[in-house]
Amino acid sequence: MGVNAAADVDGRRLRRQQNREAVVDALVELFAEGSYTPSSAEIAERAGLSPRSLFRYFDDMDDVSRAAIERQLAEARPLFTVDAEPGDPTAHKIDRIVRSRLRLFESIAPGARAGRACAHNRPVVAEQLHEARTFFRAQIRSLFAPELRGRSHLLPAIDVLLSFEARDLLCVEQGLSTAKATTTLVAALTALLEEPRS
């Protein structure tokens, strides 16, 4: 292959990658504006592409949605960790996980809402949601293993309290500040996890 031909191939690859990124940027922007299930035409227009050319870069709308949600999750990945260990005092663990989850959910809110809005008819997105929920449940099970010993029936309630949906109900539906949501969740988890009186 000659130098010019190689340069043409590299140029096409670069344009393809730039156009893919433009599409993902467009969808993430639309999510942030509250448009959780935009049409392919809306995404293409925002990306500066023709509607037909959108599917030169992605297989289908599932592929576009997956790429946007994966990017947001990748950017938020450092927020998945909780600065606590199973052997730490219960109050410390509760405080750390509540603050960690609220920070994480605030950062991924647009993509999380979009995923939930379209999961019912996009199996790939539904699977991503299932995997994330499974990870978060396992994180709770591990962190609170000492407190849950003999009381595993509490895990589903803790999982719900520490979910994205609970955060949205508190901060969006009920209008609580992050500080008040933190206080509310810490109090609820403390009530659940404190040792039962004999």
C-alpha atoms as a PDB file:
ATOM      1  CA  MET A   1       0.000   0.000   0.000  1.00  0.00           C
ATOM      2  CA  GLY A   2       1.405   3.395  -0.981  1.00  0.00           C
ATOM      3  CA  VAL A   3       1.889   6.318   1.356  1.00  0.00           C
ATOM      4  CA  ASN A   4      -1.123   8.185  -0.062  1.00  0.00           C
ATOM      5  CA  ALA A   5      -3.385   5.120   0.218  1.00  0.00           C
ATOM      6  CA  ALA A   6      -2.284   4.528   3.817  1.00  0.00           C
ATOM      7  CA  ALA A   7      -2.946   8.185   4.637  1.00  0.00           C
ATOM      8  CA  ASP A   8      -6.431   7.885   3.083  1.00  0.00           C
ATOM      9  CA  VAL A   9      -7.199   4.822   5.233  1.00  0.00           C
ATOM     10  CA  ASP A  10      -5.934   6.567   8.375  1.00  0.00           C
ATOM     11  CA  GLY A  11      -7.974   9.650   7.488  1.00  0.00           C
ATOM     12  CA  ARG A  12     -11.136   7.565   7.038  1.00  0.00           C
ATOM     13  CA  ARG A  13     -10.540   5.811  10.354  1.00  0.00           C
ATOM     14  CA  LEU A  14     -10.029   9.139  12.095  1.00  0.00           C
ATOM     15  CA  ARG A  15     -13.198  10.617  10.551  1.00  0.00           C
ATOM     16  CA  ARG A  16     -15.151   7.508  11.501  1.00  0.00           C
ATOM     17  CA  GLN A  17     -13.944   7.757  15.112  1.00  0.00           C
ATOM     18  CA  GLN A  18     -14.653  11.506  15.224  1.00  0.00           C
ATOM     19  CA  ASN A  19     -18.169  10.969  13.854  1.00  0.00           C
ATOM     20  CA  ARG A  20     -18.843   8.181  16.364  1.00  0.00           C
ATOM     21  CA  GLU A  21     -17.695  10.474  19.170  1.00  0.00           C
ATOM     22  CA  ALA A  22     -19.875  13.301  17.811  1.00  0.00           C
ATOM     23  CA  VAL A  23     -22.913  11.002  17.917  1.00  0.00           C
ATOM     24  CA  VAL A  24     -22.179   9.920  21.495  1.00  0.00           C
ATOM     25  CA  ASP A  25     -21.558  13.566  22.494  1.00  0.00           C
ATOM     26  CA  ALA A  26     -24.898  14.511  20.934  1.00  0.00           C
ATOM     27  CA  LEU A  27     -26.807  11.800  22.782  1.00  0.00           C
ATOM     28  CA  VAL A  28     -25.153  12.621  26.124  1.00  0.00           C
ATOM     29  CA  GLU A  29     -26.093  16.295  25.599  1.00  0.00           C
ATOM     30  CA  LEU A  30     -29.685  15.332  24.822  1.00  0.00           C
ATOM     31  CA  PHE A  31     -29.802  13.172  27.971  1.00  0.00           C
ATOM     32  CA  ALA A  32     -28.530  16.147  30.006  1.00  0.00           C
ATOM     33  CA  GLU A  33     -31.326  18.309  28.541  1.00  0.00           C
ATOM     34  CA  GLY A  34     -33.942  15.784  29.638  1.00  0.00           C
ATOM     35  CA  SER A  35     -34.518  14.164  26.241  1.00  0.00           C
ATOM     36  CA  TYR A  36     -34.153  10.513  27.264  1.00  0.00           C
ATOM     37  CA  THR A  37     -35.460   8.776  24.132  1.00  0.00           C
ATOM     38  CA  PRO A  38     -34.520  11.057  21.217  1.00  0.00           C
ATOM     39  CA  SER A  39     -35.041   9.889  17.646  1.00  0.00           C
ATOM     40  CA  SER A  40     -32.143   8.959  15.390  1.00  0.00           C
ATOM     41  CA  ALA A  41     -32.902  12.109  13.367  1.00  0.00           C
ATOM     42  CA  GLU A  42     -32.562  14.323  16.459  1.00  0.00           C
ATOM     43  CA  ILE A  43     -29.266  12.692  17.403  1.00  0.00           C
ATOM     44  CA  ALA A  44     -27.900  12.971  13.860  1.00  0.00           C
ATOM     45  CA  GLU A  45     -28.901  16.625  13.594  1.00  0.00           C
ATOM     46  CA  ARG A  46     -27.216  17.439  16.918  1.00  0.00           C
ATOM     47  CA  ALA A  47     -24.084  15.568  15.771  1.00  0.00           C
ATOM     48  CA  GLY A  48     -24.002  17.441  12.459  1.00  0.00           C
ATOM     49  CA  LEU A  49     -24.661  14.316  10.389  1.00  0.00           C
ATOM     50  CA  SER A  50     -27.409  13.213   8.056  1.00  0.00           C
ATOM     51  CA  PRO A  51     -29.904  10.759   9.603  1.00  0.00           C
ATOM     52  CA  ARG A  52     -28.880   8.024   7.158  1.00  0.00           C
ATOM     53  CA  SER A  53     -25.176   8.394   7.927  1.00  0.00           C
ATOM     54  CA  LEU A  54     -25.756   7.777  11.648  1.00  0.00           C
ATOM     55  CA  PHE A  55     -26.026   4.043  10.975  1.00  0.00           C
ATOM     56  CA  ARG A  56     -22.711   3.958   9.159  1.00  0.00           C
ATOM     57  CA  TYR A  57     -21.152   4.323  12.590  1.00  0.00           C
ATOM     58  CA  PHE A  58     -23.583   2.336  14.756  1.00  0.00           C
ATOM     59  CA  ASP A  59     -25.527  -0.866  14.163  1.00  0.00           C
ATOM     60  CA  ASP A  60     -28.819   0.445  15.553  1.00  0.00           C
ATOM     61  CA  MET A  61     -30.265   2.674  18.280  1.00  0.00           C
ATOM     62  CA  ASP A  62     -29.360   0.082  20.937  1.00  0.00           C
ATOM     63  CA  ASP A  63     -25.742   0.427  19.884  1.00  0.00           C
ATOM     64  CA  VAL A  64     -25.906   4.242  20.127  1.00  0.00           C
ATOM     65  CA  SER A  65     -27.571   4.140  23.565  1.00  0.00           C
ATOM     66  CA  ARG A  66     -25.123   1.542  24.840  1.00  0.00           C
ATOM     67  CA  ALA A  67     -22.139   3.647  23.728  1.00  0.00           C
ATOM     68  CA  ALA A  68     -23.480   6.760  25.472  1.00  0.00           C
ATOM     69  CA  ILE A  69     -24.325   4.948  28.711  1.00  0.00           C
ATOM     70  CA  GLU A  70     -20.993   3.095  28.688  1.00  0.00           C
ATOM     71  CA  ARG A  71     -19.145   6.385  28.319  1.00  0.00           C
ATOM     72  CA  GLN A  72     -20.976   7.909  31.277  1.00  0.00           C
ATOM     73  CA  LEU A  73     -20.345   4.807  33.381  1.00  0.00           C
ATOM     74  CA  ALA A  74     -16.645   4.802  32.438  1.00  0.00           C
ATOM     75  CA  GLU A  75     -16.320   8.456  33.457  1.00  0.00           C
ATOM     76  CA  ALA A  76     -18.094   7.726  36.756  1.00  0.00           C
ATOM     77  CA  ARG A  77     -16.211   4.475  37.514  1.00  0.00           C
ATOM     78  CA  PRO A  78     -13.928   6.084  40.167  1.00  0.00           C
ATOM     79  CA  LEU A  79     -17.082   6.997  42.117  1.00  0.00           C
ATOM     80  CA  PHE A  80     -18.127   3.329  42.387  1.00  0.00           C
ATOM     81  CA  THR A  81     -15.720   2.671  45.252  1.00  0.00           C
ATOM     82  CA  VAL A  82     -16.718   3.208  48.885  1.00  0.00           C
ATOM     83  CA  ASP A  83     -14.106   4.402  51.363  1.00  0.00           C
ATOM     84  CA  ALA A  84     -14.967   1.788  53.985  1.00  0.00           C
ATOM     85  CA  GLU A  85     -14.268  -1.838  54.847  1.00  0.00           C
ATOM     86  CA  PRO A  86     -16.561  -4.560  56.264  1.00  0.00           C
ATOM     87  CA  GLY A  87     -14.756  -4.423  59.634  1.00  0.00           C
ATOM     88  CA  ASP A  88     -15.293  -0.672  60.097  1.00  0.00           C
ATOM     89  CA  PRO A  89     -17.922   0.631  62.539  1.00  0.00           C
ATOM     90  CA  THR A  90     -21.452   0.438  61.145  1.00  0.00           C
ATOM     91  CA  ALA A  91     -22.030   4.200  61.411  1.00  0.00           C
ATOM     92  CA  HIS A  92     -18.883   4.913  59.387  1.00  0.00           C
ATOM     93  CA  LYS A  93     -19.895   2.433  56.675  1.00  0.00           C
ATOM     94  CA  ILE A  94     -23.400   3.877  56.445  1.00  0.00           C
ATOM     95  CA  ASP A  95     -22.080   7.430  56.131  1.00  0.00           C
ATOM     96  CA  ARG A  96     -19.493   6.464  53.497  1.00  0.00           C
ATOM     97  CA  ILE A  97     -21.818   4.435  51.279  1.00  0.00           C
ATOM     98  CA  VAL A  98     -24.617   7.025  51.374  1.00  0.00           C
ATOM     99  CA  ARG A  99     -22.248   9.843  50.397  1.00  0.00           C
ATOM    100  CA  SER A 100     -20.605   7.686  47.735  1.00  0.00           C
ATOM    101  CA  ARG A 101     -23.898   6.631  46.137  1.00  0.00           C
ATOM    102  CA  LEU A 102     -25.346  10.150  46.113  1.00  0.00           C
ATOM    103  CA  ARG A 103     -22.168  11.545  44.474  1.00  0.00           C
ATOM    104  CA  LEU A 104     -22.218   8.762  41.888  1.00  0.00           C
ATOM    105  CA  PHE A 105     -25.924   9.069  41.106  1.00  0.00           C
ATOM    106  CA  GLU A 106     -25.700  12.843  40.778  1.00  0.00           C
ATOM    107  CA  SER A 107     -22.905  12.462  38.233  1.00  0.00           C
ATOM    108  CA  ILE A 108     -24.716   9.848  36.115  1.00  0.00           C
ATOM    109  CA  ALA A 109     -28.284  11.124  36.541  1.00  0.00           C
ATOM    110  CA  PRO A 110     -29.040  11.997  32.882  1.00  0.00           C
ATOM    111  CA  GLY A 111     -27.736   8.684  31.538  1.00  0.00           C
ATOM    112  CA  ALA A 112     -29.347   6.726  34.371  1.00  0.00           C
ATOM    113  CA  ARG A 113     -32.742   8.275  33.640  1.00  0.00           C
ATOM    114  CA  ALA A 114     -32.302   7.642  29.927  1.00  0.00           C
ATOM    115  CA  GLY A 115     -31.412   4.008  30.552  1.00  0.00           C
ATOM    116  CA  ARG A 116     -34.482   3.489  32.673  1.00  0.00           C
ATOM    117  CA  ALA A 117     -36.692   5.267  30.132  1.00  0.00           C
ATOM    118  CA  CYS A 118     -35.694   2.996  27.257  1.00  0.00           C
ATOM    119  CA  ALA A 119     -34.786  -0.291  28.993  1.00  0.00           C
ATOM    120  CA  HIS A 120     -38.251  -1.763  28.408  1.00  0.00           C
ATOM    121  CA  ASN A 121     -37.644  -1.953  24.637  1.00  0.00           C
ATOM    122  CA  ARG A 122     -33.840  -2.042  24.448  1.00  0.00           C
ATOM    123  CA  PRO A 123     -32.555  -5.386  25.755  1.00  0.00           C
ATOM    124  CA  VAL A 124     -28.913  -4.272  25.669  1.00  0.00           C
ATOM    125  CA  VAL A 125     -29.678  -1.308  27.931  1.00  0.00           C
ATOM    126  CA  ALA A 126     -31.824  -3.498  30.201  1.00  0.00           C
ATOM    127  CA  GLU A 127     -28.855  -5.859  30.578  1.00  0.00           C
ATOM    128  CA  GLN A 128     -26.534  -2.941  31.463  1.00  0.00           C
ATOM    129  CA  LEU A 129     -28.986  -1.826  34.146  1.00  0.00           C
ATOM    130  CA  HIS A 130     -29.226  -5.370  35.517  1.00  0.00           C
ATOM    131  CA  GLU A 131     -25.423  -5.655  35.697  1.00  0.00           C
ATOM    132  CA  ALA A 132     -25.102  -2.304  37.504  1.00  0.00           C
ATOM    133  CA  ARG A 133     -27.822  -3.209  40.004  1.00  0.00           C
ATOM    134  CA  THR A 134     -26.204  -6.599  40.619  1.00  0.00           C
ATOM    135  CA  PHE A 135     -22.846  -4.904  41.272  1.00  0.00           C
ATOM    136  CA  PHE A 136     -24.368  -2.418  43.734  1.00  0.00           C
ATOM    137  CA  ARG A 137     -26.258  -5.168  45.592  1.00  0.00           C
ATOM    138  CA  ALA A 138     -23.079  -7.250  45.893  1.00  0.00           C
ATOM    139  CA  GLN A 139     -21.230  -4.176  47.191  1.00  0.00           C
ATOM    140  CA  ILE A 140     -23.838  -3.753  49.958  1.00  0.00           C
ATOM    141  CA  ARG A 141     -23.758  -7.479  50.792  1.00  0.00           C
ATOM    142  CA  SER A 142     -19.962  -7.385  51.140  1.00  0.00           C
ATOM    143  CA  LEU A 143     -19.670  -4.094  53.049  1.00  0.00           C
ATOM    144  CA  PHE A 144     -22.414  -4.940  55.546  1.00  0.00           C
ATOM    145  CA  ALA A 145     -21.676  -8.668  55.826  1.00  0.00           C
ATOM    146  CA  PRO A 146     -21.225  -8.494  59.641  1.00  0.00           C
ATOM    147  CA  GLU A 147     -24.500  -6.607  60.128  1.00  0.00           C
ATOM    148  CA  LEU A 148     -26.424  -8.865  57.727  1.00  0.00           C
ATOM    149  CA  ARG A 149     -25.283 -12.101  59.378  1.00  0.00           C
ATOM    150  CA  GLY A 150     -28.527 -13.831  60.336  1.00  0.00           C
ATOM    151  CA  ARG A 151     -30.505 -10.868  58.950  1.00  0.00           C
ATOM    152  CA  SER A 152     -30.127 -11.262  55.181  1.00  0.00           C
ATOM    153  CA  HIS A 153     -33.801 -10.311  54.802  1.00  0.00           C
ATOM    154  CA  LEU A 154     -32.662  -6.670  55.272  1.00  0.00           C
ATOM    155  CA  LEU A 155     -30.584  -6.676  52.078  1.00  0.00           C
ATOM    156  CA  PRO A 156     -33.470  -5.901  49.667  1.00  0.00           C
ATOM    157  CA  ALA A 157     -34.566  -2.894  51.754  1.00  0.00           C
ATOM    158  CA  ILE A 158     -31.012  -1.533  51.958  1.00  0.00           C
ATOM    159  CA  ASP A 159     -30.621  -2.068  48.219  1.00  0.00           C
ATOM    160  CA  VAL A 160     -33.772   0.000  47.572  1.00  0.00           C
ATOM    161  CA  LEU A 161     -32.689   2.806  49.921  1.00  0.00           C
ATOM    162  CA  LEU A 162     -29.316   3.037  48.160  1.00  0.00           C
ATOM    163  CA  SER A 163     -30.755   2.918  44.627  1.00  0.00           C
ATOM    164  CA  PHE A 164     -30.778   5.592  41.948  1.00  0.00           C
ATOM    165  CA  GLU A 165     -34.573   5.571  42.094  1.00  0.00           C
ATOM    166  CA  ALA A 166     -34.537   6.433  45.825  1.00  0.00           C
ATOM    167  CA  ARG A 167     -32.106   9.273  45.155  1.00  0.00           C
ATOM    168  CA  ASP A 168     -34.362  10.682  42.429  1.00  0.00           C
ATOM    169  CA  LEU A 169     -37.462  10.421  44.634  1.00  0.00           C
ATOM    170  CA  LEU A 170     -35.719  12.291  47.432  1.00  0.00           C
ATOM    171  CA  CYS A 171     -33.825  14.927  45.446  1.00  0.00           C
ATOM    172  CA  VAL A 172     -36.107  15.483  42.445  1.00  0.00           C
ATOM    173  CA  GLU A 173     -39.627  14.470  43.445  1.00  0.00           C
ATOM    174  CA  GLN A 174     -39.404  15.673  47.065  1.00  0.00           C
ATOM    175  CA  GLY A 175     -36.912  18.484  46.393  1.00  0.00           C
ATOM    176  CA  LEU A 176     -34.457  17.555  49.155  1.00  0.00           C
ATOM    177  CA  SER A 177     -30.943  18.950  48.959  1.00  0.00           C
ATOM    178  CA  THR A 178     -28.102  16.445  48.815  1.00  0.00           C
ATOM    179  CA  ALA A 179     -27.343  17.218  52.467  1.00  0.00           C
ATOM    180  CA  LYS A 180     -30.933  16.507  53.554  1.00  0.00           C
ATOM    181  CA  ALA A 181     -31.094  13.360  51.404  1.00  0.00           C
ATOM    182  CA  THR A 182     -27.876  12.211  53.075  1.00  0.00           C
ATOM    183  CA  THR A 183     -29.339  12.776  56.547  1.00  0.00           C
ATOM    184  CA  THR A 184     -32.550  10.952  55.588  1.00  0.00           C
ATOM    185  CA  LEU A 185     -30.784   7.915  54.144  1.00  0.00           C
ATOM    186  CA  VAL A 186     -28.274   7.695  56.998  1.00  0.00           C
ATOM    187  CA  ALA A 187     -31.145   7.735  59.526  1.00  0.00           C
ATOM    188  CA  ALA A 188     -33.103   5.070  57.620  1.00  0.00           C
ATOM    189  CA  LEU A 189     -30.105   2.761  57.232  1.00  0.00           C
ATOM    190  CA  THR A 190     -29.104   3.250  60.869  1.00  0.00           C
ATOM    191  CA  ALA A 191     -32.605   2.245  61.969  1.00  0.00           C
ATOM    192  CA  LEU A 192     -32.432  -0.872  59.796  1.00  0.00           C
ATOM    193  CA  LEU A 193     -28.910  -1.941  60.695  1.00  0.00           C
ATOM    194  CA  GLU A 194     -28.672  -1.175  64.394  1.00  0.00           C
ATOM    195  CA  GLU A 195     -28.516  -4.319  66.476  1.00  0.00           C
ATOM    196  CA  PRO A 196     -31.965  -5.492  67.566  1.00  0.00           C
ATOM    197  CA  ARG A 197     -32.587  -5.040  71.270  1.00  0.00           C
ATOM    198  CA  SER A 198     -32.969  -8.276  73.222  1.00  0.00           C
END
